[in-house]
């Protein structure tokens, strides 16, 4: 049986009860504090759809292949957790701590991640895995089959994605307004029609990324790698660009605010005439 982020044939997942959840969380708390009886929490291939995990400390927990559809995970600590190929569609992860989390191959379509901390999180594509009868998950024995991480139609306002790995990620029509994405690796990411207004993209790698129709008003692209990126129809009023980016052919595809020069006006001459008018009253 293959596992592909809930987008094709899904693996069998047993439903978790609230009682079982509380017991696992208790043992995980002891694990994190190095107390006797502590056991790392494992939710591998379990169904936690619509459950409330808000405020729990589940750092380093294993959610590989878990179904978290519509789960409430507000203020949840998931630092270093494995969410490989997890189904996080419509999950609420506001203000959650996902630093260094493994989100490869996860499906986060329609998820809410406002003000989440996702620095150095890994959202690159995953690989089709097989679920064996004993519940173990093993790689495909032959050619690896890539599975894109999906973050489409998601709300990720004000999140910190500094140095996050987003290469080949599917980010279509998401709202990333005011996100911090300094040094993020976004090569070949699909950002079609995504809202990147006010984003800090200093030093980000957008090589080959698709930004067709994206909103980049006030975004800072200083020092970003933009080779082969597509900006057709991208709205770039007030976008901050360094000299190299401003001259790049790729960036010229975007829609920029018109300059006085574009209108055939000599701004320097106009300022001189205005100064003379002021002096003469």
C-alpha atoms as a PDB file:
ATOM      1  CA  UNK A   1       0.000   0.000   0.000  1.00  0.00           C
ATOM      2  CA  UNK A   2       1.347   3.412  -0.853  1.00  0.00           C
ATOM      3  CA  UNK A   3       1.088   6.632   1.106  1.00  0.00           C
ATOM      4  CA  UNK A   4       0.895   9.960  -0.722  1.00  0.00           C
ATOM      5  CA  UNK A   5      -0.239  12.650   1.680  1.00  0.00           C
ATOM      6  CA  UNK A   6      -3.882  11.659   1.469  1.00  0.00           C
ATOM      7  CA  UNK A   7      -4.140  12.746  -2.165  1.00  0.00           C
ATOM      8  CA  UNK A   8      -4.391   9.303  -3.731  1.00  0.00           C
ATOM      9  CA  UNK A   9      -5.042   5.926  -2.076  1.00  0.00           C
ATOM     10  CA  UNK A  10      -4.853   6.404   1.675  1.00  0.00           C
ATOM     11  CA  UNK A  11      -3.312   3.942   4.142  1.00  0.00           C
ATOM     12  CA  UNK A  12      -5.523   2.476   6.835  1.00  0.00           C
ATOM     13  CA  UNK A  13      -5.435   4.622   9.956  1.00  0.00           C
ATOM     14  CA  UNK A  14      -6.909   3.619  13.314  1.00  0.00           C
ATOM     15  CA  UNK A  15      -8.931   6.267  15.137  1.00  0.00           C
ATOM     16  CA  UNK A  16      -7.359   7.624  18.335  1.00  0.00           C
ATOM     17  CA  UNK A  17      -9.509   8.161  21.425  1.00  0.00           C
ATOM     18  CA  UNK A  18      -9.184  11.141  23.766  1.00  0.00           C
ATOM     19  CA  UNK A  19      -8.162   8.794  26.592  1.00  0.00           C
ATOM     20  CA  UNK A  20      -5.373   7.291  24.496  1.00  0.00           C
ATOM     21  CA  UNK A  21      -4.222  10.751  23.427  1.00  0.00           C
ATOM     22  CA  UNK A  22      -3.920  11.937  27.035  1.00  0.00           C
ATOM     23  CA  UNK A  23      -1.947   8.827  28.007  1.00  0.00           C
ATOM     24  CA  UNK A  24       0.513   9.300  25.126  1.00  0.00           C
ATOM     25  CA  UNK A  25       0.904  13.010  25.912  1.00  0.00           C
ATOM     26  CA  UNK A  26       1.665  12.188  29.562  1.00  0.00           C
ATOM     27  CA  UNK A  27       4.418   9.738  28.638  1.00  0.00           C
ATOM     28  CA  UNK A  28       5.783  12.189  26.081  1.00  0.00           C
ATOM     29  CA  UNK A  29       5.977  14.900  28.723  1.00  0.00           C
ATOM     30  CA  UNK A  30       8.120  12.558  30.829  1.00  0.00           C
ATOM     31  CA  UNK A  31      10.225  11.789  27.735  1.00  0.00           C
ATOM     32  CA  UNK A  32      10.936  15.476  27.121  1.00  0.00           C
ATOM     33  CA  UNK A  33      11.912  16.066  30.751  1.00  0.00           C
ATOM     34  CA  UNK A  34      13.932  12.810  30.912  1.00  0.00           C
ATOM     35  CA  UNK A  35      11.725  11.375  33.649  1.00  0.00           C
ATOM     36  CA  UNK A  36      11.259   7.624  34.311  1.00  0.00           C
ATOM     37  CA  UNK A  37       8.662   5.976  32.084  1.00  0.00           C
ATOM     38  CA  UNK A  38       9.003   8.585  29.380  1.00  0.00           C
ATOM     39  CA  UNK A  39       8.229   7.483  25.810  1.00  0.00           C
ATOM     40  CA  UNK A  40       8.408   9.545  22.640  1.00  0.00           C
ATOM     41  CA  UNK A  41       4.899  10.159  21.333  1.00  0.00           C
ATOM     42  CA  UNK A  42       4.051   8.231  18.177  1.00  0.00           C
ATOM     43  CA  UNK A  43       0.932   9.042  16.182  1.00  0.00           C
ATOM     44  CA  UNK A  44       2.214   7.297  13.082  1.00  0.00           C
ATOM     45  CA  UNK A  45      -0.660   6.359  10.756  1.00  0.00           C
ATOM     46  CA  UNK A  46      -3.286   7.306  13.362  1.00  0.00           C
ATOM     47  CA  UNK A  47      -6.466   9.265  12.711  1.00  0.00           C
ATOM     48  CA  UNK A  48      -6.666  12.415  14.855  1.00  0.00           C
ATOM     49  CA  UNK A  49      -9.096  14.291  12.619  1.00  0.00           C
ATOM     50  CA  UNK A  50     -10.882  17.199  14.344  1.00  0.00           C
ATOM     51  CA  UNK A  51      -9.156  16.502  17.670  1.00  0.00           C
ATOM     52  CA  UNK A  52      -7.955  19.383  19.869  1.00  0.00           C
ATOM     53  CA  UNK A  53      -4.196  19.360  20.530  1.00  0.00           C
ATOM     54  CA  UNK A  54      -3.978  23.066  21.313  1.00  0.00           C
ATOM     55  CA  UNK A  55      -1.250  24.134  23.727  1.00  0.00           C
ATOM     56  CA  UNK A  56       0.331  20.684  23.958  1.00  0.00           C
ATOM     57  CA  UNK A  57       4.106  20.224  23.896  1.00  0.00           C
ATOM     58  CA  UNK A  58       4.646  17.568  21.228  1.00  0.00           C
ATOM     59  CA  UNK A  59       8.179  18.506  20.264  1.00  0.00           C
ATOM     60  CA  UNK A  60       9.951  15.649  18.449  1.00  0.00           C
ATOM     61  CA  UNK A  61       6.720  13.622  18.251  1.00  0.00           C
ATOM     62  CA  UNK A  62       6.167  11.303  15.280  1.00  0.00           C
ATOM     63  CA  UNK A  63       3.102  12.114  13.152  1.00  0.00           C
ATOM     64  CA  UNK A  64       4.332  10.311  10.014  1.00  0.00           C
ATOM     65  CA  UNK A  65       1.360   9.568   7.774  1.00  0.00           C
ATOM     66  CA  UNK A  66      -1.098  10.716  10.450  1.00  0.00           C
ATOM     67  CA  UNK A  67      -4.479  12.152   9.526  1.00  0.00           C
ATOM     68  CA  UNK A  68      -4.989  15.523  11.219  1.00  0.00           C
ATOM     69  CA  UNK A  69      -7.811  16.748   9.004  1.00  0.00           C
ATOM     70  CA  UNK A  70      -9.470  19.756  10.644  1.00  0.00           C
ATOM     71  CA  UNK A  71      -7.456  19.263  13.834  1.00  0.00           C
ATOM     72  CA  UNK A  72      -7.098  22.200  16.226  1.00  0.00           C
ATOM     73  CA  UNK A  73      -3.410  22.698  17.050  1.00  0.00           C
ATOM     74  CA  UNK A  74      -3.290  26.337  18.146  1.00  0.00           C
ATOM     75  CA  UNK A  75      -0.150  27.231  20.160  1.00  0.00           C
ATOM     76  CA  UNK A  76       1.037  23.626  19.795  1.00  0.00           C
ATOM     77  CA  UNK A  77       4.768  22.986  20.223  1.00  0.00           C
ATOM     78  CA  UNK A  78       5.935  20.784  17.335  1.00  0.00           C
ATOM     79  CA  UNK A  79       9.621  21.687  17.277  1.00  0.00           C
ATOM     80  CA  UNK A  80      11.568  18.989  15.439  1.00  0.00           C
ATOM     81  CA  UNK A  81       8.438  16.850  15.035  1.00  0.00           C
ATOM     82  CA  UNK A  82       8.035  14.480  12.110  1.00  0.00           C
ATOM     83  CA  UNK A  83       4.920  15.279  10.081  1.00  0.00           C
ATOM     84  CA  UNK A  84       6.139  13.418   7.024  1.00  0.00           C
ATOM     85  CA  UNK A  85       3.255  12.869   4.586  1.00  0.00           C
ATOM     86  CA  UNK A  86       0.742  13.945   7.244  1.00  0.00           C
ATOM     87  CA  UNK A  87      -2.745  15.050   6.226  1.00  0.00           C
ATOM     88  CA  UNK A  88      -3.127  18.560   7.699  1.00  0.00           C
ATOM     89  CA  UNK A  89      -5.921  19.788   5.461  1.00  0.00           C
ATOM     90  CA  UNK A  90      -7.986  22.534   7.133  1.00  0.00           C
ATOM     91  CA  UNK A  91      -5.986  22.142  10.359  1.00  0.00           C
ATOM     92  CA  UNK A  92      -5.642  25.213  12.589  1.00  0.00           C
ATOM     93  CA  UNK A  93      -1.966  25.672  13.506  1.00  0.00           C
ATOM     94  CA  UNK A  94      -2.069  29.340  14.513  1.00  0.00           C
ATOM     95  CA  UNK A  95       0.986  30.396  16.519  1.00  0.00           C
ATOM     96  CA  UNK A  96       2.256  26.809  16.513  1.00  0.00           C
ATOM     97  CA  UNK A  97       5.994  26.160  16.838  1.00  0.00           C
ATOM     98  CA  UNK A  98       7.110  24.142  13.815  1.00  0.00           C
ATOM     99  CA  UNK A  99      10.774  25.072  13.846  1.00  0.00           C
ATOM    100  CA  UNK A 100      12.887  22.360  12.181  1.00  0.00           C
ATOM    101  CA  UNK A 101       9.786  20.192  11.705  1.00  0.00           C
ATOM    102  CA  UNK A 102       9.779  17.602   8.916  1.00  0.00           C
ATOM    103  CA  UNK A 103       6.788  18.446   6.704  1.00  0.00           C
ATOM    104  CA  UNK A 104       7.992  16.737   3.549  1.00  0.00           C
ATOM    105  CA  UNK A 105       5.123  15.436   1.448  1.00  0.00           C
ATOM    106  CA  UNK A 106       2.526  16.834   3.876  1.00  0.00           C
ATOM    107  CA  UNK A 107      -0.808  18.127   2.599  1.00  0.00           C
ATOM    108  CA  UNK A 108      -1.759  21.437   4.244  1.00  0.00           C
ATOM    109  CA  UNK A 109      -4.431  22.541   1.801  1.00  0.00           C
ATOM    110  CA  UNK A 110      -6.599  25.188   3.437  1.00  0.00           C
ATOM    111  CA  UNK A 111      -4.663  25.060   6.720  1.00  0.00           C
ATOM    112  CA  UNK A 112      -4.328  28.113   8.989  1.00  0.00           C
ATOM    113  CA  UNK A 113      -0.744  28.910  10.056  1.00  0.00           C
ATOM    114  CA  UNK A 114      -0.992  32.563  11.036  1.00  0.00           C
ATOM    115  CA  UNK A 115       2.008  33.709  13.122  1.00  0.00           C
ATOM    116  CA  UNK A 116       3.419  30.178  13.182  1.00  0.00           C
ATOM    117  CA  UNK A 117       7.160  29.727  13.760  1.00  0.00           C
ATOM    118  CA  UNK A 118       8.451  27.623  10.860  1.00  0.00           C
ATOM    119  CA  UNK A 119      12.102  28.615  10.720  1.00  0.00           C
ATOM    120  CA  UNK A 120      14.219  25.887   9.112  1.00  0.00           C
ATOM    121  CA  UNK A 121      11.181  23.651   8.616  1.00  0.00           C
ATOM    122  CA  UNK A 122      11.518  21.136   5.778  1.00  0.00           C
ATOM    123  CA  UNK A 123       8.655  21.401   3.282  1.00  0.00           C
ATOM    124  CA  UNK A 124      10.398  19.844   0.310  1.00  0.00           C
ATOM    125  CA  UNK A 125       8.768  17.087  -1.691  1.00  0.00           C
ATOM    126  CA  UNK A 126       8.581  13.659  -0.092  1.00  0.00           C
ATOM    127  CA  UNK A 127       8.680  10.160  -1.551  1.00  0.00           C
ATOM    128  CA  UNK A 128       5.989   7.519  -1.952  1.00  0.00           C
ATOM    129  CA  UNK A 129       6.326   5.077   0.963  1.00  0.00           C
ATOM    130  CA  UNK A 130       4.894   1.616   1.577  1.00  0.00           C
ATOM    131  CA  UNK A 131       3.026   0.662   4.736  1.00  0.00           C
ATOM    132  CA  UNK A 132       3.769  -2.902   5.772  1.00  0.00           C
ATOM    133  CA  UNK A 133       1.446  -5.158   7.755  1.00  0.00           C
ATOM    134  CA  UNK A 134       3.404  -4.515  10.950  1.00  0.00           C
ATOM    135  CA  UNK A 135       2.744  -0.768  10.573  1.00  0.00           C
ATOM    136  CA  UNK A 136       6.279   0.111   9.522  1.00  0.00           C
ATOM    137  CA  UNK A 137       6.822   2.615   6.731  1.00  0.00           C
ATOM    138  CA  UNK A 138       9.539   1.852   4.214  1.00  0.00           C
ATOM    139  CA  UNK A 139      10.738   3.584   1.029  1.00  0.00           C
ATOM    140  CA  UNK A 140       9.702   2.402  -2.411  1.00  0.00           C
ATOM    141  CA  UNK A 141      12.107  -0.362  -3.379  1.00  0.00           C
ATOM    142  CA  UNK A 142      12.628   0.838  -6.944  1.00  0.00           C
ATOM    143  CA  UNK A 143      12.483   4.306  -8.458  1.00  0.00           C
ATOM    144  CA  UNK A 144      11.565   6.943  -5.902  1.00  0.00           C
ATOM    145  CA  UNK A 145       8.246   8.626  -6.666  1.00  0.00           C
ATOM    146  CA  UNK A 146       8.239  12.281  -5.515  1.00  0.00           C
ATOM    147  CA  UNK A 147       5.216  13.717  -3.697  1.00  0.00           C
ATOM    148  CA  UNK A 148       4.898  17.495  -3.553  1.00  0.00           C
ATOM    149  CA  UNK A 149       4.278  19.191  -0.239  1.00  0.00           C
ATOM    150  CA  UNK A 150       1.046  21.126  -0.670  1.00  0.00           C
ATOM    151  CA  UNK A 151       0.268  24.430   1.047  1.00  0.00           C
ATOM    152  CA  UNK A 152      -2.352  25.692  -1.399  1.00  0.00           C
ATOM    153  CA  UNK A 153      -5.244  27.954  -0.350  1.00  0.00           C
ATOM    154  CA  UNK A 154      -3.654  28.203   3.098  1.00  0.00           C
ATOM    155  CA  UNK A 155      -3.600  31.243   5.395  1.00  0.00           C
ATOM    156  CA  UNK A 156      -0.053  31.838   6.647  1.00  0.00           C
ATOM    157  CA  UNK A 157      -0.150  35.532   7.613  1.00  0.00           C
ATOM    158  CA  UNK A 158       2.803  36.821   9.626  1.00  0.00           C
ATOM    159  CA  UNK A 159       4.528  33.448   9.944  1.00  0.00           C
ATOM    160  CA  UNK A 160       8.301  33.032  10.269  1.00  0.00           C
ATOM    161  CA  UNK A 161       9.661  30.843   7.469  1.00  0.00           C
ATOM    162  CA  UNK A 162      13.282  31.971   7.736  1.00  0.00           C
ATOM    163  CA  UNK A 163      15.637  29.486   6.072  1.00  0.00           C
ATOM    164  CA  UNK A 164      12.745  27.080   5.510  1.00  0.00           C
ATOM    165  CA  UNK A 165      13.163  24.493   2.745  1.00  0.00           C
ATOM    166  CA  UNK A 166      10.333  25.010   0.261  1.00  0.00           C
ATOM    167  CA  UNK A 167      11.859  23.816  -3.006  1.00  0.00           C
ATOM    168  CA  UNK A 168       9.217  22.324  -5.353  1.00  0.00           C
ATOM    169  CA  UNK A 169       6.466  23.124  -2.838  1.00  0.00           C
ATOM    170  CA  UNK A 170       2.930  23.777  -4.150  1.00  0.00           C
ATOM    171  CA  UNK A 171       1.873  27.155  -2.665  1.00  0.00           C
ATOM    172  CA  UNK A 172      -0.840  28.204  -5.105  1.00  0.00           C
ATOM    173  CA  UNK A 173      -3.385  30.857  -3.997  1.00  0.00           C
ATOM    174  CA  UNK A 174      -2.135  30.998  -0.404  1.00  0.00           C
ATOM    175  CA  UNK A 175      -1.971  34.132   1.755  1.00  0.00           C
ATOM    176  CA  UNK A 176       1.576  34.712   3.008  1.00  0.00           C
ATOM    177  CA  UNK A 177       1.127  38.401   3.805  1.00  0.00           C
ATOM    178  CA  UNK A 178       3.904  39.853   5.996  1.00  0.00           C
ATOM    179  CA  UNK A 179       5.754  36.539   6.339  1.00  0.00           C
ATOM    180  CA  UNK A 180       9.451  36.507   7.196  1.00  0.00           C
ATOM    181  CA  UNK A 181      11.126  34.330   4.560  1.00  0.00           C
ATOM    182  CA  UNK A 182      14.727  35.427   4.771  1.00  0.00           C
ATOM    183  CA  UNK A 183      17.069  32.891   3.210  1.00  0.00           C
ATOM    184  CA  UNK A 184      14.214  30.496   2.413  1.00  0.00           C
ATOM    185  CA  UNK A 185      14.960  27.878  -0.261  1.00  0.00           C
ATOM    186  CA  UNK A 186      12.094  28.155  -2.736  1.00  0.00           C
ATOM    187  CA  UNK A 187      13.645  26.945  -5.973  1.00  0.00           C
ATOM    188  CA  UNK A 188      10.991  25.748  -8.442  1.00  0.00           C
ATOM    189  CA  UNK A 189       8.190  26.405  -5.937  1.00  0.00           C
ATOM    190  CA  UNK A 190       4.768  27.090  -7.456  1.00  0.00           C
ATOM    191  CA  UNK A 191       3.557  30.421  -6.024  1.00  0.00           C
ATOM    192  CA  UNK A 192       0.944  31.160  -8.680  1.00  0.00           C
ATOM    193  CA  UNK A 193      -1.548  33.809  -7.492  1.00  0.00           C
ATOM    194  CA  UNK A 194      -0.102  33.709  -3.975  1.00  0.00           C
ATOM    195  CA  UNK A 195      -0.245  36.843  -1.815  1.00  0.00           C
ATOM    196  CA  UNK A 196       3.291  37.792  -0.760  1.00  0.00           C
ATOM    197  CA  UNK A 197       2.471  41.399   0.147  1.00  0.00           C
ATOM    198  CA  UNK A 198       4.982  42.826   2.605  1.00  0.00           C
ATOM    199  CA  UNK A 199       7.029  39.630   2.773  1.00  0.00           C
ATOM    200  CA  UNK A 200      10.672  39.768   3.806  1.00  0.00           C
ATOM    201  CA  UNK A 201      12.357  37.669   1.116  1.00  0.00           C
ATOM    202  CA  UNK A 202      15.894  38.958   1.587  1.00  0.00           C
ATOM    203  CA  UNK A 203      18.393  36.413   0.320  1.00  0.00           C
ATOM    204  CA  UNK A 204      15.676  33.881  -0.599  1.00  0.00           C
ATOM    205  CA  UNK A 205      16.348  31.408  -3.403  1.00  0.00           C
ATOM    206  CA  UNK A 206      13.518  31.742  -5.939  1.00  0.00           C
ATOM    207  CA  UNK A 207      15.418  30.160  -8.820  1.00  0.00           C
ATOM    208  CA  UNK A 208      12.918  28.767 -11.314  1.00  0.00           C
ATOM    209  CA  UNK A 209       9.955  29.599  -9.056  1.00  0.00           C
ATOM    210  CA  UNK A 210       6.573  30.314 -10.627  1.00  0.00           C
ATOM    211  CA  UNK A 211       5.249  33.673  -9.340  1.00  0.00           C
ATOM    212  CA  UNK A 212       2.706  34.197 -12.108  1.00  0.00           C
ATOM    213  CA  UNK A 213      -0.021  36.512 -10.874  1.00  0.00           C
ATOM    214  CA  UNK A 214       1.472  36.732  -7.381  1.00  0.00           C
ATOM    215  CA  UNK A 215       1.048  39.864  -5.249  1.00  0.00           C
ATOM    216  CA  UNK A 216       4.414  41.281  -4.198  1.00  0.00           C
ATOM    217  CA  UNK A 217       3.391  44.778  -3.087  1.00  0.00           C
ATOM    218  CA  UNK A 218       6.001  46.076  -0.657  1.00  0.00           C
ATOM    219  CA  UNK A 219       7.869  42.755  -0.571  1.00  0.00           C
ATOM    220  CA  UNK A 220      11.635  42.934  -0.021  1.00  0.00           C
ATOM    221  CA  UNK A 221      13.562  40.888  -2.614  1.00  0.00           C
ATOM    222  CA  UNK A 222      16.977  42.351  -1.809  1.00  0.00           C
ATOM    223  CA  UNK A 223      19.678  39.789  -2.525  1.00  0.00           C
ATOM    224  CA  UNK A 224      17.174  37.144  -3.675  1.00  0.00           C
ATOM    225  CA  UNK A 225      18.114  34.642  -6.384  1.00  0.00           C
ATOM    226  CA  UNK A 226      15.620  35.174  -9.219  1.00  0.00           C
ATOM    227  CA  UNK A 227      17.162  33.338 -12.174  1.00  0.00           C
ATOM    228  CA  UNK A 228      14.574  31.654 -14.423  1.00  0.00           C
ATOM    229  CA  UNK A 229      11.754  32.710 -12.086  1.00  0.00           C
ATOM    230  CA  UNK A 230       8.442  33.635 -13.743  1.00  0.00           C
ATOM    231  CA  UNK A 231       6.785  36.945 -12.796  1.00  0.00           C
ATOM    232  CA  UNK A 232       4.196  37.213 -15.589  1.00  0.00           C
ATOM    233  CA  UNK A 233       1.335  39.385 -14.343  1.00  0.00           C
ATOM    234  CA  UNK A 234       2.822  39.614 -10.839  1.00  0.00           C
ATOM    235  CA  UNK A 235       1.795  42.811  -9.018  1.00  0.00           C
ATOM    236  CA  UNK A 236       5.007  44.504  -7.885  1.00  0.00           C
ATOM    237  CA  UNK A 237       4.036  48.017  -6.797  1.00  0.00           C
ATOM    238  CA  UNK A 238       6.497  49.098  -4.134  1.00  0.00           C
ATOM    239  CA  UNK A 239       8.520  45.888  -4.329  1.00  0.00           C
ATOM    240  CA  UNK A 240      12.049  46.479  -3.004  1.00  0.00           C
ATOM    241  CA  UNK A 241      14.650  45.271  -5.503  1.00  0.00           C
ATOM    242  CA  UNK A 242      18.407  45.633  -5.601  1.00  0.00           C
ATOM    243  CA  UNK A 243      20.102  46.864  -8.785  1.00  0.00           C
ATOM    244  CA  UNK A 244      20.734  43.368 -10.161  1.00  0.00           C
ATOM    245  CA  UNK A 245      17.129  42.267  -9.644  1.00  0.00           C
ATOM    246  CA  UNK A 246      15.750  45.495 -11.101  1.00  0.00           C
ATOM    247  CA  UNK A 247      17.587  44.824 -14.355  1.00  0.00           C
ATOM    248  CA  UNK A 248      16.718  41.104 -14.515  1.00  0.00           C
ATOM    249  CA  UNK A 249      14.596  40.103 -17.515  1.00  0.00           C
ATOM    250  CA  UNK A 250      12.468  37.868 -15.298  1.00  0.00           C
ATOM    251  CA  UNK A 251      11.383  40.775 -13.088  1.00  0.00           C
ATOM    252  CA  UNK A 252      10.412  42.908 -16.075  1.00  0.00           C
ATOM    253  CA  UNK A 253       7.483  40.515 -16.686  1.00  0.00           C
ATOM    254  CA  UNK A 254       5.793  41.826 -13.550  1.00  0.00           C
ATOM    255  CA  UNK A 255       3.486  44.835 -13.271  1.00  0.00           C
ATOM    256  CA  UNK A 256       5.366  47.733 -11.706  1.00  0.00           C
ATOM    257  CA  UNK A 257       4.282  51.215 -10.635  1.00  0.00           C
ATOM    258  CA  UNK A 258       4.948  53.650 -13.491  1.00  0.00           C
ATOM    259  CA  UNK A 259       7.864  56.052 -13.021  1.00  0.00           C
ATOM    260  CA  UNK A 260       7.996  59.682 -14.219  1.00  0.00           C
ATOM    261  CA  UNK A 261      10.378  58.526 -16.933  1.00  0.00           C
ATOM    262  CA  UNK A 262       7.752  56.054 -18.159  1.00  0.00           C
ATOM    263  CA  UNK A 263       5.404  59.005 -18.655  1.00  0.00           C
ATOM    264  CA  UNK A 264       8.089  60.963 -20.557  1.00  0.00           C
ATOM    265  CA  UNK A 265       8.670  63.384 -17.694  1.00  0.00           C
ATOM    266  CA  UNK A 266      12.054  64.798 -16.671  1.00  0.00           C
ATOM    267  CA  UNK A 267      11.787  64.795 -12.891  1.00  0.00           C
ATOM    268  CA  UNK A 268      15.057  66.684 -12.368  1.00  0.00           C
ATOM    269  CA  UNK A 269      13.968  69.488 -14.648  1.00  0.00           C
ATOM    270  CA  UNK A 270      10.578  69.647 -12.958  1.00  0.00           C
ATOM    271  CA  UNK A 271      12.212  70.007  -9.532  1.00  0.00           C
ATOM    272  CA  UNK A 272      14.431  72.842 -10.792  1.00  0.00           C
ATOM    273  CA  UNK A 273      11.416  74.691 -12.190  1.00  0.00           C
ATOM    274  CA  UNK A 274       9.484  74.135  -8.963  1.00  0.00           C
ATOM    275  CA  UNK A 275      12.403  75.500  -6.895  1.00  0.00           C
ATOM    276  CA  UNK A 276      12.546  78.611  -9.061  1.00  0.00           C
ATOM    277  CA  UNK A 277       8.784  79.100  -8.655  1.00  0.00           C
ATOM    278  CA  UNK A 278       9.069  78.844  -4.856  1.00  0.00           C
ATOM    279  CA  UNK A 279      11.904  81.370  -4.758  1.00  0.00           C
ATOM    280  CA  UNK A 280      10.042  83.905  -6.881  1.00  0.00           C
ATOM    281  CA  UNK A 281       6.855  83.558  -4.876  1.00  0.00           C
END
